[in-house]
Amino acid sequence: MKKTFTLKAVFLLLFITSSFYLRAQNLEANPIKRDTTVEDVKKPRTVFLEVGGPGLALTINYDTRFGQRRDKWGYRIGAGYYNTGANWVASVPLQINYLAGLTRTAPNSFIEIGAGTTFVRSHGTTNGTFFQFDNITGFIGTATLGYRFQQDNGGINFRIAFVPVLYDDGVIAEGGFSIGYTF
């Protein structure tokens, strides 16, 4: 009697585990046909070198979108440094930006609008040959209104922008130009 009970328990256990195994096999073989013509969209990531702009001097920047599209909302962050001997400035720009496509006939052209802040540390004297910087440590406000050319499948990109800089003494109207690579 005890052998029969043990034998029945083993068969029941094998039956239960085999049914789970068969269900797992059935789930792996997905009968739904997928459309293979739809391409996966990769989130564009851009690295660029900028002169002027929110970084105030010469900066290296990283820019990406929040979603999987080439336009709409995104952010940029960078680091910059410029030295003219006795005068130097170091900066870390951070901005939230929005890209809007210009037209359907120019799919690689975008209007860029952005706002953010830049941490600045500068040291200046009156001995500077070209530029004279104030002694500043702190945050300034920045905005961007510009044009961006960014290819569909990655590659070279460039930007040109008007950049107002807001600080304690007022507003400075500045510009920026950048060239980089989108991957």
N, C-alpha and C. Protein backbone atom coordinates (compact mmCIF):
# COMPACT_ATOMS: atom_id res chain seq x y z
N MET A 1 0.82 -1.18 0.00
CA MET A 1 0.00 0.00 0.00
C MET A 1 0.87 1.25 0.00
N LYS A 2 1.92 1.23 0.79
CA LYS A 2 2.80 2.36 0.88
C LYS A 2 3.53 2.57 -0.45
N LYS A 3 3.91 1.44 -1.13
CA LYS A 3 4.58 1.55 -2.42
C LYS A 3 3.64 2.14 -3.46
N THR A 4 2.39 1.77 -3.45
CA THR A 4 1.41 2.28 -4.39
C THR A 4 1.21 3.78 -4.19
N PHE A 5 1.11 4.22 -2.95
CA PHE A 5 0.95 5.64 -2.65
C PHE A 5 2.17 6.42 -3.13
N THR A 6 3.36 5.94 -2.90
CA THR A 6 4.59 6.61 -3.32
C THR A 6 4.67 6.65 -4.84
N LEU A 7 4.30 5.57 -5.49
CA LEU A 7 4.33 5.50 -6.94
C LEU A 7 3.32 6.50 -7.55
N LYS A 8 2.13 6.58 -6.96
CA LYS A 8 1.13 7.53 -7.44
C LYS A 8 1.61 8.96 -7.23
N ALA A 9 2.25 9.25 -6.12
CA ALA A 9 2.76 10.59 -5.83
C ALA A 9 3.85 10.98 -6.84
N VAL A 10 4.72 10.03 -7.18
CA VAL A 10 5.78 10.31 -8.16
C VAL A 10 5.16 10.59 -9.53
N PHE A 11 4.20 9.79 -9.95
CA PHE A 11 3.55 10.01 -11.25
C PHE A 11 2.79 11.34 -11.27
N LEU A 12 2.12 11.67 -10.19
CA LEU A 12 1.41 12.94 -10.11
C LEU A 12 2.39 14.10 -10.21
N LEU A 13 3.50 14.02 -9.52
CA LEU A 13 4.53 15.06 -9.57
C LEU A 13 5.10 15.19 -10.98
N LEU A 14 5.37 14.06 -11.64
CA LEU A 14 5.86 14.11 -13.02
C LEU A 14 4.81 14.71 -13.97
N PHE A 15 3.54 14.38 -13.77
CA PHE A 15 2.48 14.92 -14.60
C PHE A 15 2.38 16.44 -14.44
N ILE A 16 2.44 16.94 -13.22
CA ILE A 16 2.33 18.38 -12.97
C ILE A 16 3.52 19.12 -13.58
N THR A 17 4.72 18.63 -13.34
CA THR A 17 5.90 19.30 -13.88
C THR A 17 5.94 19.24 -15.40
N SER A 18 5.46 18.15 -15.99
CA SER A 18 5.46 18.06 -17.46
C SER A 18 4.45 19.04 -18.05
N SER A 19 3.33 19.28 -17.37
CA SER A 19 2.36 20.24 -17.90
C SER A 19 2.93 21.66 -17.86
N PHE A 20 3.68 22.00 -16.80
CA PHE A 20 4.35 23.30 -16.75
C PHE A 20 5.38 23.41 -17.87
N TYR A 21 6.10 22.33 -18.10
CA TYR A 21 7.12 22.33 -19.14
C TYR A 21 6.47 22.53 -20.52
N LEU A 22 5.33 21.87 -20.77
CA LEU A 22 4.66 22.02 -22.05
C LEU A 22 4.10 23.42 -22.22
N ARG A 23 3.58 24.02 -21.18
CA ARG A 23 3.10 25.40 -21.25
C ARG A 23 4.24 26.35 -21.53
N ALA A 24 5.37 26.15 -20.90
CA ALA A 24 6.52 27.01 -21.13
C ALA A 24 6.98 26.90 -22.58
N GLN A 25 6.96 25.69 -23.13
CA GLN A 25 7.33 25.51 -24.53
C GLN A 25 6.35 26.23 -25.44
N ASN A 26 5.08 26.18 -25.11
CA ASN A 26 4.07 26.82 -25.92
C ASN A 26 4.23 28.34 -25.89
N LEU A 27 4.60 28.93 -24.75
CA LEU A 27 4.79 30.37 -24.67
C LEU A 27 6.00 30.84 -25.46
N GLU A 28 7.03 30.00 -25.54
CA GLU A 28 8.23 30.38 -26.28
C GLU A 28 7.96 30.45 -27.77
N ALA A 29 7.11 29.60 -28.29
CA ALA A 29 6.80 29.61 -29.71
C ALA A 29 5.67 30.60 -29.94
N ASN A 30 6.02 31.85 -30.18
CA ASN A 30 5.04 32.91 -30.33
C ASN A 30 4.44 32.85 -31.74
N PRO A 31 3.14 32.56 -31.86
CA PRO A 31 2.53 32.40 -33.18
C PRO A 31 2.23 33.74 -33.87
N ILE A 32 2.41 34.87 -33.20
CA ILE A 32 2.09 36.17 -33.78
C ILE A 32 3.17 36.56 -34.78
N LYS A 33 2.75 36.89 -35.98
CA LYS A 33 3.69 37.33 -37.01
C LYS A 33 4.02 38.80 -36.80
N ARG A 34 5.29 39.14 -36.91
CA ARG A 34 5.76 40.51 -36.71
C ARG A 34 6.07 41.14 -38.06
N ASP A 35 5.84 42.44 -38.16
CA ASP A 35 6.18 43.19 -39.37
C ASP A 35 7.66 43.53 -39.31
N THR A 36 8.44 42.95 -40.19
CA THR A 36 9.89 43.17 -40.17
C THR A 36 10.29 44.41 -40.95
N THR A 37 9.34 45.10 -41.57
CA THR A 37 9.68 46.31 -42.30
C THR A 37 9.80 47.53 -41.39
N VAL A 38 9.30 47.46 -40.17
CA VAL A 38 9.39 48.56 -39.23
C VAL A 38 10.80 48.58 -38.64
N GLU A 39 11.46 49.73 -38.76
CA GLU A 39 12.82 49.85 -38.25
C GLU A 39 12.79 50.29 -36.80
N ASP A 40 13.73 49.78 -36.04
CA ASP A 40 13.88 50.24 -34.67
C ASP A 40 14.51 51.62 -34.68
N VAL A 41 13.94 52.54 -33.93
CA VAL A 41 14.46 53.90 -33.86
C VAL A 41 15.39 53.98 -32.65
N LYS A 42 16.60 54.45 -32.90
CA LYS A 42 17.56 54.60 -31.81
C LYS A 42 17.52 56.04 -31.31
N LYS A 43 17.67 56.20 -30.03
CA LYS A 43 17.73 57.52 -29.44
C LYS A 43 19.02 58.21 -29.93
N PRO A 44 18.90 59.38 -30.58
CA PRO A 44 20.11 60.04 -31.06
C PRO A 44 20.93 60.61 -29.90
N ARG A 45 22.22 60.37 -29.97
CA ARG A 45 23.15 60.92 -28.99
C ARG A 45 24.17 61.74 -29.76
N THR A 46 24.47 62.92 -29.28
CA THR A 46 25.37 63.82 -29.99
C THR A 46 26.48 64.27 -29.06
N VAL A 47 27.69 64.28 -29.58
CA VAL A 47 28.84 64.84 -28.89
C VAL A 47 29.35 65.97 -29.77
N PHE A 48 29.56 67.16 -29.19
CA PHE A 48 29.99 68.28 -30.02
C PHE A 48 30.91 69.22 -29.26
N LEU A 49 31.74 69.92 -30.04
CA LEU A 49 32.65 70.95 -29.54
C LEU A 49 32.02 72.28 -29.86
N GLU A 50 31.91 73.14 -28.85
CA GLU A 50 31.22 74.41 -29.02
C GLU A 50 32.11 75.58 -28.63
N VAL A 51 32.06 76.62 -29.44
CA VAL A 51 32.74 77.88 -29.16
C VAL A 51 31.65 78.87 -28.77
N GLY A 52 31.79 79.49 -27.59
CA GLY A 52 30.75 80.39 -27.08
C GLY A 52 29.61 79.57 -26.52
N GLY A 53 28.40 80.08 -26.70
CA GLY A 53 27.22 79.36 -26.23
C GLY A 53 27.08 79.39 -24.72
N PRO A 54 26.27 78.47 -24.16
CA PRO A 54 26.03 78.45 -22.71
C PRO A 54 27.29 78.18 -21.88
N GLY A 55 28.32 77.58 -22.48
CA GLY A 55 29.57 77.30 -21.77
C GLY A 55 30.52 78.48 -21.74
N LEU A 56 30.17 79.58 -22.43
CA LEU A 56 30.89 80.84 -22.46
C LEU A 56 32.22 80.81 -23.19
N ALA A 57 32.86 79.70 -23.32
CA ALA A 57 34.19 79.66 -23.93
C ALA A 57 34.25 78.49 -24.89
N LEU A 58 35.14 77.58 -24.66
CA LEU A 58 35.31 76.39 -25.47
C LEU A 58 34.87 75.19 -24.64
N THR A 59 33.81 74.47 -25.10
CA THR A 59 33.26 73.36 -24.31
C THR A 59 33.09 72.12 -25.17
N ILE A 60 33.15 70.98 -24.52
CA ILE A 60 32.78 69.69 -25.11
C ILE A 60 31.46 69.30 -24.46
N ASN A 61 30.48 68.88 -25.28
CA ASN A 61 29.12 68.66 -24.79
C ASN A 61 28.56 67.32 -25.23
N TYR A 62 27.57 66.84 -24.48
CA TYR A 62 26.81 65.64 -24.79
C TYR A 62 25.34 66.04 -24.82
N ASP A 63 24.62 65.63 -25.87
CA ASP A 63 23.20 65.98 -26.02
C ASP A 63 22.44 64.73 -26.42
N THR A 64 21.26 64.55 -25.84
CA THR A 64 20.39 63.43 -26.20
C THR A 64 18.94 63.83 -25.98
N ARG A 65 18.04 63.02 -26.51
CA ARG A 65 16.60 63.22 -26.36
C ARG A 65 16.09 62.35 -25.22
N PHE A 66 14.99 62.74 -24.61
CA PHE A 66 14.37 61.92 -23.57
C PHE A 66 13.65 60.71 -24.17
N GLY A 67 13.08 60.87 -25.35
CA GLY A 67 12.38 59.76 -26.01
C GLY A 67 13.23 59.16 -27.11
N GLN A 68 12.58 58.37 -27.97
CA GLN A 68 13.28 57.69 -29.05
C GLN A 68 13.28 58.49 -30.36
N ARG A 69 12.76 59.70 -30.35
CA ARG A 69 12.67 60.51 -31.57
C ARG A 69 13.88 61.42 -31.71
N ARG A 70 14.09 61.94 -32.92
CA ARG A 70 15.19 62.88 -33.15
C ARG A 70 14.83 64.29 -32.73
N ASP A 71 13.56 64.57 -32.51
CA ASP A 71 13.15 65.91 -32.11
C ASP A 71 12.48 65.84 -30.74
N LYS A 72 11.82 66.87 -30.36
CA LYS A 72 11.12 67.01 -29.06
C LYS A 72 12.11 67.30 -27.93
N TRP A 73 11.78 66.91 -26.71
CA TRP A 73 12.52 67.29 -25.51
C TRP A 73 13.80 66.47 -25.31
N GLY A 74 14.82 67.16 -24.80
CA GLY A 74 16.08 66.51 -24.51
C GLY A 74 16.91 67.36 -23.55
N TYR A 75 18.15 66.98 -23.38
CA TYR A 75 19.04 67.76 -22.50
C TYR A 75 20.46 67.71 -23.04
N ARG A 76 21.27 68.63 -22.53
CA ARG A 76 22.69 68.68 -22.86
C ARG A 76 23.48 69.01 -21.61
N ILE A 77 24.68 68.48 -21.54
CA ILE A 77 25.59 68.77 -20.44
C ILE A 77 26.99 68.85 -21.03
N GLY A 78 27.81 69.72 -20.47
CA GLY A 78 29.15 69.90 -21.03
C GLY A 78 30.16 70.31 -19.98
N ALA A 79 31.38 70.48 -20.44
CA ALA A 79 32.47 70.96 -19.60
C ALA A 79 33.39 71.79 -20.48
N GLY A 80 33.80 72.93 -19.95
CA GLY A 80 34.62 73.80 -20.76
C GLY A 80 35.72 74.49 -19.98
N TYR A 81 36.72 74.95 -20.73
CA TYR A 81 37.84 75.67 -20.14
C TYR A 81 38.47 76.54 -21.21
N TYR A 82 38.90 77.73 -20.83
CA TYR A 82 39.60 78.62 -21.74
C TYR A 82 40.60 79.42 -20.91
N ASN A 83 41.82 79.56 -21.46
CA ASN A 83 42.89 80.23 -20.73
C ASN A 83 43.64 81.15 -21.68
N THR A 84 43.85 82.39 -21.24
CA THR A 84 44.66 83.34 -22.01
C THR A 84 45.84 83.82 -21.17
N GLY A 85 46.45 82.94 -20.43
CA GLY A 85 47.57 83.34 -19.58
C GLY A 85 47.08 83.69 -18.19
N ALA A 86 46.95 84.97 -17.91
CA ALA A 86 46.51 85.42 -16.59
C ALA A 86 45.00 85.33 -16.41
N ASN A 87 44.27 85.16 -17.49
CA ASN A 87 42.81 85.07 -17.44
C ASN A 87 42.36 83.66 -17.82
N TRP A 88 41.43 83.10 -17.06
CA TRP A 88 40.88 81.79 -17.39
C TRP A 88 39.45 81.67 -16.91
N VAL A 89 38.73 80.76 -17.56
CA VAL A 89 37.35 80.48 -17.18
C VAL A 89 37.10 78.98 -17.35
N ALA A 90 36.44 78.37 -16.37
CA ALA A 90 36.00 76.97 -16.43
C ALA A 90 34.48 76.98 -16.27
N SER A 91 33.79 76.13 -17.03
CA SER A 91 32.33 76.14 -16.98
C SER A 91 31.75 74.74 -17.15
N VAL A 92 30.55 74.58 -16.61
CA VAL A 92 29.78 73.33 -16.76
C VAL A 92 28.35 73.73 -17.13
N PRO A 93 28.03 73.75 -18.45
CA PRO A 93 26.67 74.10 -18.86
C PRO A 93 25.72 72.91 -18.79
N LEU A 94 24.49 73.17 -18.39
CA LEU A 94 23.43 72.17 -18.32
C LEU A 94 22.15 72.85 -18.81
N GLN A 95 21.52 72.25 -19.82
CA GLN A 95 20.30 72.82 -20.38
C GLN A 95 19.28 71.74 -20.73
N ILE A 96 18.02 72.11 -20.63
CA ILE A 96 16.91 71.35 -21.18
C ILE A 96 16.58 72.02 -22.50
N ASN A 97 16.39 71.24 -23.58
CA ASN A 97 16.12 71.86 -24.87
C ASN A 97 15.00 71.13 -25.60
N TYR A 98 14.49 71.83 -26.59
CA TYR A 98 13.41 71.30 -27.42
C TYR A 98 13.79 71.49 -28.87
N LEU A 99 13.69 70.44 -29.68
CA LEU A 99 13.96 70.51 -31.10
C LEU A 99 12.66 70.40 -31.88
N ALA A 100 12.46 71.33 -32.81
CA ALA A 100 11.28 71.30 -33.68
C ALA A 100 11.76 71.25 -35.11
N GLY A 101 11.27 70.27 -35.87
CA GLY A 101 11.65 70.14 -37.28
C GLY A 101 11.16 71.34 -38.08
N LEU A 102 11.98 71.80 -39.02
CA LEU A 102 11.60 72.96 -39.83
C LEU A 102 10.52 72.61 -40.85
N THR A 103 10.81 71.68 -41.74
CA THR A 103 9.83 71.28 -42.76
C THR A 103 10.01 69.81 -43.08
N ARG A 104 9.03 69.25 -43.77
CA ARG A 104 9.15 67.86 -44.20
C ARG A 104 10.17 67.72 -45.34
N THR A 105 10.38 68.80 -46.10
CA THR A 105 11.35 68.73 -47.20
C THR A 105 12.79 68.86 -46.69
N ALA A 106 12.98 69.33 -45.46
CA ALA A 106 14.32 69.43 -44.86
C ALA A 106 14.31 68.68 -43.53
N PRO A 107 14.29 67.32 -43.57
CA PRO A 107 14.12 66.55 -42.33
C PRO A 107 15.32 66.59 -41.39
N ASN A 108 16.45 67.12 -41.82
CA ASN A 108 17.63 67.19 -40.97
C ASN A 108 17.82 68.55 -40.32
N SER A 109 16.91 69.48 -40.54
CA SER A 109 17.01 70.84 -40.00
C SER A 109 16.03 71.04 -38.85
N PHE A 110 16.54 71.61 -37.75
CA PHE A 110 15.72 71.81 -36.56
C PHE A 110 15.92 73.20 -35.98
N ILE A 111 14.86 73.73 -35.39
CA ILE A 111 14.96 74.91 -34.55
C ILE A 111 15.18 74.39 -33.13
N GLU A 112 16.15 74.96 -32.42
CA GLU A 112 16.45 74.54 -31.05
C GLU A 112 16.13 75.67 -30.09
N ILE A 113 15.37 75.34 -29.06
CA ILE A 113 15.04 76.30 -28.00
C ILE A 113 15.42 75.63 -26.68
N GLY A 114 16.18 76.34 -25.85
CA GLY A 114 16.63 75.73 -24.60
C GLY A 114 16.79 76.74 -23.48
N ALA A 115 16.84 76.23 -22.26
CA ALA A 115 17.06 77.07 -21.08
C ALA A 115 17.76 76.23 -20.03
N GLY A 116 18.59 76.87 -19.24
CA GLY A 116 19.31 76.13 -18.21
C GLY A 116 20.22 77.01 -17.40
N THR A 117 21.24 76.39 -16.85
CA THR A 117 22.18 77.08 -15.99
C THR A 117 23.60 76.63 -16.33
N THR A 118 24.56 77.46 -15.98
CA THR A 118 25.96 77.13 -16.18
C THR A 118 26.71 77.48 -14.91
N PHE A 119 27.48 76.52 -14.41
CA PHE A 119 28.37 76.80 -13.29
C PHE A 119 29.64 77.39 -13.88
N VAL A 120 30.04 78.54 -13.34
CA VAL A 120 31.21 79.26 -13.86
C VAL A 120 32.20 79.50 -12.74
N ARG A 121 33.46 79.27 -13.05
CA ARG A 121 34.57 79.64 -12.16
C ARG A 121 35.58 80.36 -13.05
N SER A 122 35.78 81.65 -12.78
CA SER A 122 36.70 82.40 -13.63
C SER A 122 37.63 83.25 -12.76
N HIS A 123 38.77 83.57 -13.34
CA HIS A 123 39.76 84.42 -12.69
C HIS A 123 40.27 85.39 -13.75
N GLY A 124 40.28 86.64 -13.43
CA GLY A 124 40.71 87.62 -14.42
C GLY A 124 41.59 88.71 -13.84
N THR A 125 42.40 89.24 -14.72
CA THR A 125 43.23 90.40 -14.39
C THR A 125 43.17 91.36 -15.57
N THR A 126 43.73 92.52 -15.42
CA THR A 126 43.75 93.50 -16.52
C THR A 126 44.91 93.24 -17.47
N ASN A 127 45.69 92.17 -17.25
CA ASN A 127 46.82 91.84 -18.10
C ASN A 127 46.45 90.93 -19.26
N GLY A 128 45.20 90.64 -19.45
CA GLY A 128 44.78 89.73 -20.52
C GLY A 128 45.03 90.34 -21.88
N THR A 129 45.50 89.56 -22.82
CA THR A 129 45.80 90.08 -24.15
C THR A 129 44.54 90.30 -24.98
N PHE A 130 43.61 89.35 -24.97
CA PHE A 130 42.39 89.49 -25.76
C PHE A 130 41.15 89.64 -24.90
N PHE A 131 41.05 88.81 -23.86
CA PHE A 131 39.85 88.80 -23.03
C PHE A 131 40.22 89.13 -21.59
N GLN A 132 39.30 89.78 -20.92
CA GLN A 132 39.47 90.05 -19.50
C GLN A 132 38.25 89.49 -18.78
N PHE A 133 38.49 88.61 -17.80
CA PHE A 133 37.41 87.97 -17.07
C PHE A 133 37.33 88.55 -15.66
N ASP A 134 36.12 88.57 -15.13
CA ASP A 134 35.93 88.92 -13.72
C ASP A 134 36.25 87.71 -12.87
N ASN A 135 36.45 87.93 -11.58
CA ASN A 135 36.62 86.82 -10.64
C ASN A 135 35.23 86.38 -10.19
N ILE A 136 34.77 85.28 -10.74
CA ILE A 136 33.40 84.81 -10.49
C ILE A 136 33.44 83.33 -10.12
N THR A 137 32.61 82.95 -9.16
CA THR A 137 32.31 81.55 -8.87
C THR A 137 30.83 81.47 -8.58
N GLY A 138 30.09 80.72 -9.39
CA GLY A 138 28.65 80.59 -9.16
C GLY A 138 27.91 80.17 -10.41
N PHE A 139 26.60 80.31 -10.34
CA PHE A 139 25.72 79.89 -11.42
C PHE A 139 25.19 81.10 -12.16
N ILE A 140 25.04 80.95 -13.48
CA ILE A 140 24.40 81.96 -14.31
C ILE A 140 23.29 81.28 -15.08
N GLY A 141 22.30 82.05 -15.51
CA GLY A 141 21.21 81.51 -16.32
C GLY A 141 21.54 81.63 -17.80
N THR A 142 21.13 80.66 -18.59
CA THR A 142 21.36 80.69 -20.04
C THR A 142 20.10 80.27 -20.78
N ALA A 143 20.01 80.74 -22.00
CA ALA A 143 18.93 80.33 -22.91
C ALA A 143 19.55 80.12 -24.28
N THR A 144 18.85 79.41 -25.14
CA THR A 144 19.35 79.14 -26.49
C THR A 144 18.21 79.26 -27.49
N LEU A 145 18.48 79.94 -28.58
CA LEU A 145 17.57 80.00 -29.71
C LEU A 145 18.45 79.84 -30.94
N GLY A 146 18.32 78.71 -31.64
CA GLY A 146 19.24 78.48 -32.73
C GLY A 146 18.75 77.48 -33.76
N TYR A 147 19.66 77.18 -34.68
CA TYR A 147 19.44 76.24 -35.77
C TYR A 147 20.37 75.05 -35.57
N ARG A 148 19.85 73.84 -35.81
CA ARG A 148 20.66 72.62 -35.71
C ARG A 148 20.45 71.78 -36.96
N PHE A 149 21.57 71.33 -37.55
CA PHE A 149 21.54 70.37 -38.65
C PHE A 149 22.02 69.05 -38.08
N GLN A 150 21.16 68.04 -38.13
CA GLN A 150 21.48 66.73 -37.55
C GLN A 150 20.96 65.66 -38.49
N GLN A 151 21.88 64.87 -39.06
CA GLN A 151 21.51 63.86 -40.05
C GLN A 151 20.66 62.75 -39.44
N ASP A 152 19.85 62.14 -40.29
CA ASP A 152 18.90 61.10 -39.87
C ASP A 152 19.57 59.88 -39.28
N ASN A 153 20.60 59.36 -39.91
CA ASN A 153 21.24 58.13 -39.47
C ASN A 153 22.57 58.38 -38.78
N GLY A 154 22.72 59.51 -38.14
CA GLY A 154 23.98 59.83 -37.48
C GLY A 154 24.94 60.49 -38.45
N GLY A 155 26.07 60.92 -37.92
CA GLY A 155 27.07 61.59 -38.73
C GLY A 155 27.34 62.98 -38.21
N ILE A 156 27.95 63.78 -39.06
CA ILE A 156 28.34 65.14 -38.68
C ILE A 156 27.10 66.00 -38.44
N ASN A 157 27.17 66.83 -37.41
CA ASN A 157 26.11 67.80 -37.16
C ASN A 157 26.74 69.15 -36.84
N PHE A 158 25.96 70.20 -36.98
CA PHE A 158 26.44 71.51 -36.54
C PHE A 158 25.27 72.33 -36.03
N ARG A 159 25.62 73.32 -35.23
CA ARG A 159 24.62 74.19 -34.59
C ARG A 159 25.13 75.62 -34.63
N ILE A 160 24.23 76.56 -34.72
CA ILE A 160 24.54 77.97 -34.54
C ILE A 160 23.40 78.56 -33.74
N ALA A 161 23.72 79.39 -32.73
CA ALA A 161 22.65 79.83 -31.82
C ALA A 161 22.92 81.21 -31.26
N PHE A 162 21.84 81.88 -30.92
CA PHE A 162 21.86 83.10 -30.12
C PHE A 162 21.68 82.66 -28.68
N VAL A 163 22.56 83.12 -27.77
CA VAL A 163 22.54 82.66 -26.38
C VAL A 163 22.56 83.86 -25.43
N PRO A 164 21.42 84.27 -24.88
CA PRO A 164 21.44 85.30 -23.84
C PRO A 164 21.90 84.69 -22.51
N VAL A 165 22.80 85.39 -21.84
CA VAL A 165 23.34 84.94 -20.55
C VAL A 165 22.84 85.90 -19.48
N LEU A 166 22.18 85.35 -18.46
CA LEU A 166 21.62 86.15 -17.37
C LEU A 166 22.50 86.00 -16.12
N TYR A 167 22.97 87.12 -15.58
CA TYR A 167 23.77 87.07 -14.37
C TYR A 167 23.42 88.27 -13.51
N ASP A 168 24.13 88.46 -12.40
CA ASP A 168 23.78 89.50 -11.42
C ASP A 168 23.71 90.91 -11.99
N ASP A 169 24.59 91.23 -12.93
CA ASP A 169 24.65 92.60 -13.46
C ASP A 169 23.78 92.82 -14.68
N GLY A 170 23.04 91.81 -15.13
CA GLY A 170 22.17 91.99 -16.28
C GLY A 170 22.20 90.84 -17.25
N VAL A 171 22.09 91.19 -18.54
CA VAL A 171 22.04 90.20 -19.61
C VAL A 171 23.15 90.48 -20.61
N ILE A 172 23.83 89.44 -21.03
CA ILE A 172 24.84 89.54 -22.09
C ILE A 172 24.30 88.77 -23.29
N ALA A 173 24.27 89.43 -24.45
CA ALA A 173 23.84 88.77 -25.68
C ALA A 173 25.08 88.11 -26.28
N GLU A 174 25.06 86.78 -26.33
CA GLU A 174 26.19 86.01 -26.83
C GLU A 174 25.71 85.06 -27.91
N GLY A 175 26.62 84.47 -28.61
CA GLY A 175 26.30 83.49 -29.63
C GLY A 175 27.12 82.25 -29.43
N GLY A 176 26.84 81.25 -30.22
CA GLY A 176 27.61 80.01 -30.14
C GLY A 176 27.59 79.26 -31.45
N PHE A 177 28.66 78.55 -31.72
CA PHE A 177 28.77 77.70 -32.89
C PHE A 177 29.36 76.37 -32.46
N SER A 178 28.81 75.27 -33.00
CA SER A 178 29.34 73.96 -32.63
C SER A 178 29.36 73.04 -33.83
N ILE A 179 30.24 72.06 -33.74
CA ILE A 179 30.32 70.99 -34.72
C ILE A 179 30.58 69.71 -33.96
N GLY A 180 29.93 68.62 -34.39
CA GLY A 180 30.08 67.38 -33.66
C GLY A 180 29.65 66.18 -34.46
N TYR A 181 29.36 65.11 -33.74
CA TYR A 181 29.00 63.83 -34.35
C TYR A 181 27.79 63.24 -33.63
N THR A 182 26.80 62.78 -34.40
CA THR A 182 25.62 62.13 -33.86
C THR A 182 25.72 60.63 -34.11
N PHE A 183 25.47 59.83 -33.07
CA PHE A 183 25.51 58.37 -33.22
C PHE A 183 24.28 57.76 -32.62
